PDB file of N, CA and C in Angstrom:
ATOM      1  N   MET A   1      11.750 -29.616   3.626  1.00  0.00           N
ATOM      2  CA  MET A   1      10.946 -29.585   4.837  1.00  0.00           C
ATOM      3  C   MET A   1      11.869 -29.650   6.046  1.00  0.00           C
ATOM      4  N   PRO A   2      11.735 -28.710   6.966  1.00  0.00           N
ATOM      5  CA  PRO A   2      12.614 -28.702   8.138  1.00  0.00           C
ATOM      6  C   PRO A   2      12.317 -29.854   9.090  1.00  0.00           C
ATOM      7  N   ASN A   3      13.361 -30.323   9.742  1.00  0.00           N
ATOM      8  CA  ASN A   3      13.219 -31.409  10.720  1.00  0.00           C
ATOM      9  C   ASN A   3      13.205 -30.894  12.144  1.00  0.00           C
ATOM     10  N   ILE A   4      13.847 -29.774  12.365  1.00  0.00           N
ATOM     11  CA  ILE A   4      13.951 -29.218  13.717  1.00  0.00           C
ATOM     12  C   ILE A   4      12.678 -28.438  14.036  1.00  0.00           C
ATOM     13  N   LYS A   5      12.216 -28.595  15.267  1.00  0.00           N
ATOM     14  CA  LYS A   5      10.951 -27.998  15.677  1.00  0.00           C
ATOM     15  C   LYS A   5      10.938 -26.477  15.498  1.00  0.00           C
ATOM     16  N   SER A   6      12.012 -25.820  15.891  1.00  0.00           N
ATOM     17  CA  SER A   6      12.054 -24.352  15.778  1.00  0.00           C
ATOM     18  C   SER A   6      12.060 -23.915  14.318  1.00  0.00           C
ATOM     19  N   ALA A   7      12.699 -24.697  13.451  1.00  0.00           N
ATOM     20  CA  ALA A   7      12.724 -24.377  12.024  1.00  0.00           C
ATOM     21  C   ALA A   7      11.322 -24.521  11.421  1.00  0.00           C
ATOM     22  N   LYS A   8      10.596 -25.552  11.880  1.00  0.00           N
ATOM     23  CA  LYS A   8       9.213 -25.731  11.416  1.00  0.00           C
ATOM     24  C   LYS A   8       8.358 -24.538  11.826  1.00  0.00           C
ATOM     25  N   LYS A   9       8.547 -24.115  13.071  1.00  0.00           N
ATOM     26  CA  LYS A   9       7.770 -22.984  13.584  1.00  0.00           C
ATOM     27  C   LYS A   9       8.082 -21.723  12.782  1.00  0.00           C
ATOM     28  N   ARG A  10       9.359 -21.463  12.522  1.00  0.00           N
ATOM     29  CA  ARG A  10       9.741 -20.275  11.762  1.00  0.00           C
ATOM     30  C   ARG A  10       9.141 -20.320  10.357  1.00  0.00           C
ATOM     31  N   MET A  11       9.105 -21.512   9.756  1.00  0.00           N
ATOM     32  CA  MET A  11       8.544 -21.648   8.426  1.00  0.00           C
ATOM     33  C   MET A  11       7.045 -21.319   8.445  1.00  0.00           C
ATOM     34  N   GLU A  12       6.344 -21.838   9.441  1.00  0.00           N
ATOM     35  CA  GLU A  12       4.908 -21.573   9.556  1.00  0.00           C
ATOM     36  C   GLU A  12       4.638 -20.086   9.785  1.00  0.00           C
ATOM     37  N   LEU A  13       5.428 -19.485  10.663  1.00  0.00           N
ATOM     38  CA  LEU A  13       5.248 -18.055  10.931  1.00  0.00           C
ATOM     39  C   LEU A  13       5.563 -17.222   9.695  1.00  0.00           C
ATOM     40  N   GLY A  14       6.597 -17.643   8.954  1.00  0.00           N
ATOM     41  CA  GLY A  14       6.954 -16.938   7.727  1.00  0.00           C
ATOM     42  C   GLY A  14       5.825 -16.973   6.713  1.00  0.00           C
ATOM     43  N   GLN A  15       5.182 -18.119   6.592  1.00  0.00           N
ATOM     44  CA  GLN A  15       4.061 -18.254   5.666  1.00  0.00           C
ATOM     45  C   GLN A  15       2.884 -17.387   6.116  1.00  0.00           C
ATOM     46  N   LYS A  16       2.657 -17.349   7.428  1.00  0.00           N
ATOM     47  CA  LYS A  16       1.568 -16.548   7.983  1.00  0.00           C
ATOM     48  C   LYS A  16       1.788 -15.066   7.671  1.00  0.00           C
ATOM     49  N   TRP A  17       3.014 -14.585   7.920  1.00  0.00           N
ATOM     50  CA  TRP A  17       3.308 -13.168   7.668  1.00  0.00           C
ATOM     51  C   TRP A  17       3.326 -12.849   6.183  1.00  0.00           C
ATOM     52  N   ALA A  18       3.774 -13.800   5.353  1.00  0.00           N
ATOM     53  CA  ALA A  18       3.771 -13.579   3.905  1.00  0.00           C
ATOM     54  C   ALA A  18       2.347 -13.392   3.402  1.00  0.00           C
ATOM     55  N   ALA A  19       1.426 -14.190   3.940  1.00  0.00           N
ATOM     56  CA  ALA A  19       0.019 -14.060   3.552  1.00  0.00           C
ATOM     57  C   ALA A  19      -0.532 -12.711   4.004  1.00  0.00           C
ATOM     58  N   ARG A  20      -0.189 -12.298   5.207  1.00  0.00           N
ATOM     59  CA  ARG A  20      -0.653 -11.016   5.734  1.00  0.00           C
ATOM     60  C   ARG A  20      -0.098  -9.855   4.894  1.00  0.00           C
ATOM     61  N   ASN A  21       1.179  -9.952   4.530  1.00  0.00           N
ATOM     62  CA  ASN A  21       1.797  -8.913   3.696  1.00  0.00           C
ATOM     63  C   ASN A  21       1.158  -8.864   2.310  1.00  0.00           C
ATOM     64  N   ARG A  22       0.825 -10.037   1.778  1.00  0.00           N
ATOM     65  CA  ARG A  22       0.208 -10.112   0.456  1.00  0.00           C
ATOM     66  C   ARG A  22      -1.140  -9.388   0.463  1.00  0.00           C
ATOM     67  N   VAL A  23      -1.931  -9.599   1.521  1.00  0.00           N
ATOM     68  CA  VAL A  23      -3.226  -8.931   1.648  1.00  0.00           C
ATOM     69  C   VAL A  23      -3.033  -7.417   1.748  1.00  0.00           C
ATOM     70  N   ALA A  24      -2.091  -6.997   2.574  1.00  0.00           N
ATOM     71  CA  ALA A  24      -1.855  -5.558   2.772  1.00  0.00           C
ATOM     72  C   ALA A  24      -1.401  -4.899   1.471  1.00  0.00           C
ATOM     73  N   ARG A  25      -0.503  -5.556   0.744  1.00  0.00           N
ATOM     74  CA  ARG A  25      -0.021  -5.008  -0.522  1.00  0.00           C
ATOM     75  C   ARG A  25      -1.140  -4.920  -1.556  1.00  0.00           C
ATOM     76  N   SER A  26      -2.008  -5.910  -1.550  1.00  0.00           N
ATOM     77  CA  SER A  26      -3.126  -5.920  -2.480  1.00  0.00           C
ATOM     78  C   SER A  26      -4.084  -4.758  -2.190  1.00  0.00           C
ATOM     79  N   ARG A  27      -4.406  -4.535  -0.920  1.00  0.00           N
ATOM     80  CA  ARG A  27      -5.267  -3.416  -0.530  1.00  0.00           C
ATOM     81  C   ARG A  27      -4.644  -2.093  -0.966  1.00  0.00           C
ATOM     82  N   LEU A  28      -3.330  -2.006  -0.806  1.00  0.00           N
ATOM     83  CA  LEU A  28      -2.604  -0.794  -1.156  1.00  0.00           C
ATOM     84  C   LEU A  28      -2.682  -0.525  -2.653  1.00  0.00           C
ATOM     85  N   ARG A  29      -2.424  -1.553  -3.444  1.00  0.00           N
ATOM     86  CA  ARG A  29      -2.468  -1.392  -4.899  1.00  0.00           C
ATOM     87  C   ARG A  29      -3.866  -0.992  -5.371  1.00  0.00           C
ATOM     88  N   THR A  30      -4.877  -1.604  -4.768  1.00  0.00           N
ATOM     89  CA  THR A  30      -6.255  -1.281  -5.133  1.00  0.00           C
ATOM     90  C   THR A  30      -6.576   0.173  -4.807  1.00  0.00           C
ATOM     91  N   ALA A  31      -6.144   0.633  -3.637  1.00  0.00           N
ATOM     92  CA  ALA A  31      -6.410   2.016  -3.233  1.00  0.00           C
ATOM     93  C   ALA A  31      -5.739   3.002  -4.192  1.00  0.00           C
ATOM     94  N   VAL A  32      -4.512   2.717  -4.568  1.00  0.00           N
ATOM     95  CA  VAL A  32      -3.779   3.596  -5.491  1.00  0.00           C
ATOM     96  C   VAL A  32      -4.467   3.598  -6.864  1.00  0.00           C
ATOM     97  N   LYS A  33      -4.901   2.420  -7.304  1.00  0.00           N
ATOM     98  CA  LYS A  33      -5.573   2.304  -8.590  1.00  0.00           C
ATOM     99  C   LYS A  33      -6.878   3.107  -8.597  1.00  0.00           C
ATOM    100  N   ARG A  34      -7.603   3.082  -7.479  1.00  0.00           N
ATOM    101  CA  ARG A  34      -8.868   3.822  -7.395  1.00  0.00           C
ATOM    102  C   ARG A  34      -8.647   5.332  -7.483  1.00  0.00           C
ATOM    103  N   VAL A  35      -7.548   5.802  -6.921  1.00  0.00           N
ATOM    104  CA  VAL A  35      -7.239   7.236  -7.038  1.00  0.00           C
ATOM    105  C   VAL A  35      -6.975   7.571  -8.499  1.00  0.00           C
ATOM    106  N   ARG A  36      -6.207   6.736  -9.165  1.00  0.00           N
ATOM    107  CA  ARG A  36      -5.864   6.980 -10.566  1.00  0.00           C
ATOM    108  C   ARG A  36      -7.084   6.936 -11.475  1.00  0.00           C
ATOM    109  N   GLN A  37      -8.074   6.101 -11.130  1.00  0.00           N
ATOM    110  CA  GLN A  37      -9.241   5.924 -11.996  1.00  0.00           C
ATOM    111  C   GLN A  37     -10.389   6.872 -11.676  1.00  0.00           C
ATOM    112  N   ALA A  38     -10.225   7.707 -10.677  1.00  0.00           N
ATOM    113  CA  ALA A  38     -11.298   8.636 -10.299  1.00  0.00           C
ATOM    114  C   ALA A  38     -11.570   9.612 -11.439  1.00  0.00           C
ATOM    115  N   GLU A  39     -12.872   9.847 -11.697  1.00  0.00           N
ATOM    116  CA  GLU A  39     -13.253  10.725 -12.802  1.00  0.00           C
ATOM    117  C   GLU A  39     -13.193  12.197 -12.409  1.00  0.00           C
ATOM    118  N   ASP A  40     -13.637  12.516 -11.190  1.00  0.00           N
ATOM    119  CA  ASP A  40     -13.654  13.922 -10.785  1.00  0.00           C
ATOM    120  C   ASP A  40     -12.711  14.152  -9.604  1.00  0.00           C
ATOM    121  N   ALA A  41     -12.405  15.409  -9.367  1.00  0.00           N
ATOM    122  CA  ALA A  41     -11.412  15.785  -8.361  1.00  0.00           C
ATOM    123  C   ALA A  41     -11.875  15.466  -6.939  1.00  0.00           C
ATOM    124  N   GLU A  42     -13.158  15.625  -6.665  1.00  0.00           N
ATOM    125  CA  GLU A  42     -13.658  15.376  -5.302  1.00  0.00           C
ATOM    126  C   GLU A  42     -13.499  13.917  -4.914  1.00  0.00           C
ATOM    127  N   THR A  43     -13.891  13.036  -5.827  1.00  0.00           N
ATOM    128  CA  THR A  43     -13.748  11.602  -5.576  1.00  0.00           C
ATOM    129  C   THR A  43     -12.278  11.241  -5.406  1.00  0.00           C
ATOM    130  N   ALA A  44     -11.448  11.784  -6.269  1.00  0.00           N
ATOM    131  CA  ALA A  44     -10.013  11.505  -6.207  1.00  0.00           C
ATOM    132  C   ALA A  44      -9.432  11.977  -4.880  1.00  0.00           C
ATOM    133  N   GLN A  45      -9.873  13.137  -4.404  1.00  0.00           N
ATOM    134  CA  GLN A  45      -9.365  13.683  -3.138  1.00  0.00           C
ATOM    135  C   GLN A  45      -9.727  12.771  -1.976  1.00  0.00           C
ATOM    136  N   THR A  46     -10.961  12.279  -1.959  1.00  0.00           N
ATOM    137  CA  THR A  46     -11.406  11.375  -0.895  1.00  0.00           C
ATOM    138  C   THR A  46     -10.627  10.067  -0.928  1.00  0.00           C
ATOM    139  N   ARG A  47     -10.473   9.528  -2.126  1.00  0.00           N
ATOM    140  CA  ARG A  47      -9.740   8.269  -2.273  1.00  0.00           C
ATOM    141  C   ARG A  47      -8.256   8.445  -1.959  1.00  0.00           C
ATOM    142  N   LEU A  48      -7.735   9.636  -2.260  1.00  0.00           N
ATOM    143  CA  LEU A  48      -6.332   9.923  -1.961  1.00  0.00           C
ATOM    144  C   LEU A  48      -6.078   9.860  -0.464  1.00  0.00           C
ATOM    145  N   ARG A  49      -7.012  10.393   0.323  1.00  0.00           N
ATOM    146  CA  ARG A  49      -6.856  10.369   1.779  1.00  0.00           C
ATOM    147  C   ARG A  49      -6.751   8.926   2.289  1.00  0.00           C
ATOM    148  N   ASP A  50      -7.595   8.039   1.759  1.00  0.00           N
ATOM    149  CA  ASP A  50      -7.549   6.632   2.155  1.00  0.00           C
ATOM    150  C   ASP A  50      -6.241   5.974   1.716  1.00  0.00           C
ATOM    151  N   ALA A  51      -5.838   6.261   0.486  1.00  0.00           N
ATOM    152  CA  ALA A  51      -4.606   5.669  -0.042  1.00  0.00           C
ATOM    153  C   ALA A  51      -3.382   6.140   0.743  1.00  0.00           C
ATOM    154  N   GLU A  52      -3.354   7.431   1.092  1.00  0.00           N
ATOM    155  CA  GLU A  52      -2.221   7.958   1.851  1.00  0.00           C
ATOM    156  C   GLU A  52      -2.129   7.292   3.219  1.00  0.00           C
ATOM    157  N   SER A  53      -3.271   7.035   3.824  1.00  0.00           N
ATOM    158  CA  SER A  53      -3.289   6.367   5.118  1.00  0.00           C
ATOM    159  C   SER A  53      -2.681   4.972   5.008  1.00  0.00           C
ATOM    160  N   LEU A  54      -3.093   4.230   3.989  1.00  0.00           N
ATOM    161  CA  LEU A  54      -2.541   2.884   3.788  1.00  0.00           C
ATOM    162  C   LEU A  54      -1.052   2.933   3.452  1.00  0.00           C
ATOM    163  N   LEU A  55      -0.662   3.918   2.652  1.00  0.00           N
ATOM    164  CA  LEU A  55       0.751   4.050   2.291  1.00  0.00           C
ATOM    165  C   LEU A  55       1.609   4.374   3.516  1.00  0.00           C
ATOM    166  N   ASP A  56       1.127   5.290   4.357  1.00  0.00           N
ATOM    167  CA  ASP A  56       1.884   5.630   5.565  1.00  0.00           C
ATOM    168  C   ASP A  56       2.030   4.420   6.485  1.00  0.00           C
ATOM    169  N   ARG A  57       0.968   3.644   6.588  1.00  0.00           N
ATOM    170  CA  ARG A  57       1.022   2.442   7.423  1.00  0.00           C
ATOM    171  C   ARG A  57       2.026   1.436   6.852  1.00  0.00           C
ATOM    172  N   ALA A  58       2.040   1.306   5.516  1.00  0.00           N
ATOM    173  CA  ALA A  58       2.974   0.382   4.861  1.00  0.00           C
ATOM    174  C   ALA A  58       4.417   0.825   5.103  1.00  0.00           C
ATOM    175  N   ALA A  59       4.658   2.129   5.090  1.00  0.00           N
ATOM    176  CA  ALA A  59       6.017   2.634   5.326  1.00  0.00           C
ATOM    177  C   ALA A  59       6.422   2.409   6.775  1.00  0.00           C
ATOM    178  N   ARG A  60       5.489   2.647   7.680  1.00  0.00           N
ATOM    179  CA  ARG A  60       5.791   2.488   9.103  1.00  0.00           C
ATOM    180  C   ARG A  60       6.114   1.024   9.436  1.00  0.00           C
ATOM    181  N   LYS A  61       5.411   0.103   8.784  1.00  0.00           N
ATOM    182  CA  LYS A  61       5.632  -1.316   9.033  1.00  0.00           C
ATOM    183  C   LYS A  61       6.705  -1.905   8.121  1.00  0.00           C
ATOM    184  N   ARG A  62       7.316  -1.046   7.283  1.00  0.00           N
ATOM    185  CA  ARG A  62       8.376  -1.453   6.352  1.00  0.00           C
ATOM    186  C   ARG A  62       7.892  -2.475   5.324  1.00  0.00           C
ATOM    187  N   LEU A  63       6.604  -2.418   5.012  1.00  0.00           N
ATOM    188  CA  LEU A  63       6.068  -3.246   3.944  1.00  0.00           C
ATOM    189  C   LEU A  63       6.624  -2.750   2.615  1.00  0.00           C
ATOM    190  N   LEU A  64       6.740  -1.436   2.507  1.00  0.00           N
ATOM    191  CA  LEU A  64       7.392  -0.774   1.383  1.00  0.00           C
ATOM    192  C   LEU A  64       8.436   0.184   1.939  1.00  0.00           C
ATOM    193  N   HIS A  65       9.418   0.506   1.139  1.00  0.00           N
ATOM    194  CA  HIS A  65      10.452   1.436   1.576  1.00  0.00           C
ATOM    195  C   HIS A  65       9.844   2.825   1.747  1.00  0.00           C
ATOM    196  N   PRO A  66      10.187   3.525   2.817  1.00  0.00           N
ATOM    197  CA  PRO A  66       9.604   4.855   3.054  1.00  0.00           C
ATOM    198  C   PRO A  66       9.808   5.846   1.906  1.00  0.00           C
ATOM    199  N   ASN A  67      10.939   5.772   1.238  1.00  0.00           N
ATOM    200  CA  ASN A  67      11.177   6.684   0.108  1.00  0.00           C
ATOM    201  C   ASN A  67      10.235   6.368  -1.056  1.00  0.00           C
ATOM    202  N   LYS A  68       9.966   5.088  -1.271  1.00  0.00           N
ATOM    203  CA  LYS A  68       9.039   4.692  -2.330  1.00  0.00           C
ATOM    204  C   LYS A  68       7.638   5.187  -2.003  1.00  0.00           C
ATOM    205  N   VAL A  69       7.266   5.080  -0.735  1.00  0.00           N
ATOM    206  CA  VAL A  69       5.952   5.554  -0.303  1.00  0.00           C
ATOM    207  C   VAL A  69       5.837   7.062  -0.516  1.00  0.00           C
ATOM    208  N   ALA A  70       6.879   7.790  -0.167  1.00  0.00           N
ATOM    209  CA  ALA A  70       6.876   9.243  -0.345  1.00  0.00           C
ATOM    210  C   ALA A  70       6.724   9.595  -1.822  1.00  0.00           C
ATOM    211  N   ARG A  71       7.404   8.862  -2.679  1.00  0.00           N
ATOM    212  CA  ARG A  71       7.324   9.105  -4.123  1.00  0.00           C
ATOM    213  C   ARG A  71       5.919   8.804  -4.650  1.00  0.00           C
ATOM    214  N   MET A  72       5.345   7.704  -4.187  1.00  0.00           N
ATOM    215  CA  MET A  72       3.989   7.337  -4.619  1.00  0.00           C
ATOM    216  C   MET A  72       2.969   8.391  -4.179  1.00  0.00           C
ATOM    217  N   LYS A  73       3.083   8.841  -2.930  1.00  0.00           N
ATOM    218  CA  LYS A  73       2.165   9.859  -2.423  1.00  0.00           C
ATOM    219  C   LYS A  73       2.298  11.148  -3.228  1.00  0.00           C
ATOM    220  N   SER A  74       3.517  11.531  -3.532  1.00  0.00           N
ATOM    221  CA  SER A  74       3.763  12.751  -4.285  1.00  0.00           C
ATOM    222  C   SER A  74       3.127  12.674  -5.672  1.00  0.00           C
ATOM    223  N   ARG A  75       3.288  11.548  -6.336  1.00  0.00           N
ATOM    224  CA  ARG A  75       2.731  11.386  -7.682  1.00  0.00           C
ATOM    225  C   ARG A  75       1.211  11.350  -7.661  1.00  0.00           C
ATOM    226  N   LEU A  76       0.653  10.722  -6.628  1.00  0.00           N
ATOM    227  CA  LEU A  76      -0.806  10.698  -6.515  1.00  0.00           C
ATOM    228  C   LEU A  76      -1.354  12.106  -6.260  1.00  0.00           C
ATOM    229  N   GLN A  77      -0.678  12.852  -5.391  1.00  0.00           N
ATOM    230  CA  GLN A  77      -1.100  14.228  -5.118  1.00  0.00           C
ATOM    231  C   GLN A  77      -1.024  15.074  -6.378  1.00  0.00           C
ATOM    232  N   GLN A  78       0.022  14.860  -7.149  1.00  0.00           N
ATOM    233  CA  GLN A  78       0.188  15.589  -8.407  1.00  0.00           C
ATOM    234  C   GLN A  78      -0.957  15.247  -9.369  1.00  0.00           C
ATOM    235  N   HIS A  79      -1.336  13.973  -9.414  1.00  0.00           N
ATOM    236  CA  HIS A  79      -2.426  13.533 -10.282  1.00  0.00           C
ATOM    237  C   HIS A  79      -3.748  14.194  -9.870  1.00  0.00           C
ATOM    238  N   VAL A  80      -4.020  14.242  -8.571  1.00  0.00           N
ATOM    239  CA  VAL A  80      -5.252  14.851  -8.077  1.00  0.00           C
ATOM    240  C   VAL A  80      -5.263  16.353  -8.369  1.00  0.00           C
ATOM    241  N   LYS A  81      -4.109  16.970  -8.220  1.00  0.00           N
ATOM    242  CA  LYS A  81      -4.011  18.413  -8.505  1.00  0.00           C
ATOM    243  C   LYS A  81      -4.303  18.698  -9.977  1.00  0.00           C
ATOM    244  N   GLU A  82      -3.816  17.824 -10.861  1.00  0.00           N
ATOM    245  CA  GLU A  82      -4.095  17.986 -12.296  1.00  0.00           C
ATOM    246  C   GLU A  82      -5.582  17.824 -12.580  1.00  0.00           C
ATOM    247  N   LEU A  83      -6.246  16.918 -11.855  1.00  0.00           N
ATOM    248  CA  LEU A  83      -7.695  16.744 -12.026  1.00  0.00           C
ATOM    249  C   LEU A  83      -8.436  18.012 -11.584  1.00  0.00           C
ATOM    250  N   GLN A  84      -7.964  18.620 -10.511  1.00  0.00           N
ATOM    251  CA  GLN A  84      -8.625  19.832  -9.993  1.00  0.00           C
ATOM    252  C   GLN A  84      -8.461  20.998 -10.961  1.00  0.00           C
ATOM    253  N   GLU A  85      -7.297  21.088 -11.581  1.00  0.00           N
ATOM    254  CA  GLU A  85      -7.043  22.200 -12.497  1.00  0.00           C
ATOM    255  C   GLU A  85      -7.713  21.984 -13.845  1.00  0.00           C
ATOM    256  N   GLY A  86      -7.764  20.718 -14.266  1.00  0.00           N
ATOM    257  CA  GLY A  86      -8.293  20.420 -15.586  1.00  0.00           C
ATOM    258  C   GLY A  86      -9.734  20.285 -15.630  1.00  0.00           C
TER     259      GLY A  86
END
C-alpha cells in the first residue's frame, strides 16, 4: 500500500482504468464471438460491422495492438465471406 499521496492517486486511477479496459475487452470478445456464431451470412455481416467498429476503437485507444486488430478483422471478414459462399 503506497504511503505517498500521489502514489495512492496513481494506484486508484490505475484500478479505474483497468476496470474500464476490462469492460471494453469483454465487449470486444463478445462481439467477435457473435460474428463467429452467426448462422447466416446476413446476420454475420451486420454483426461484423459492429465488431469492426469496436476493434477499430480498441486499436485507436491502444487497447489492442493495431496489427492484431487488423489480423482479427481480416479473419472475421474471411469467415463471413465463407458463409456467403457456402
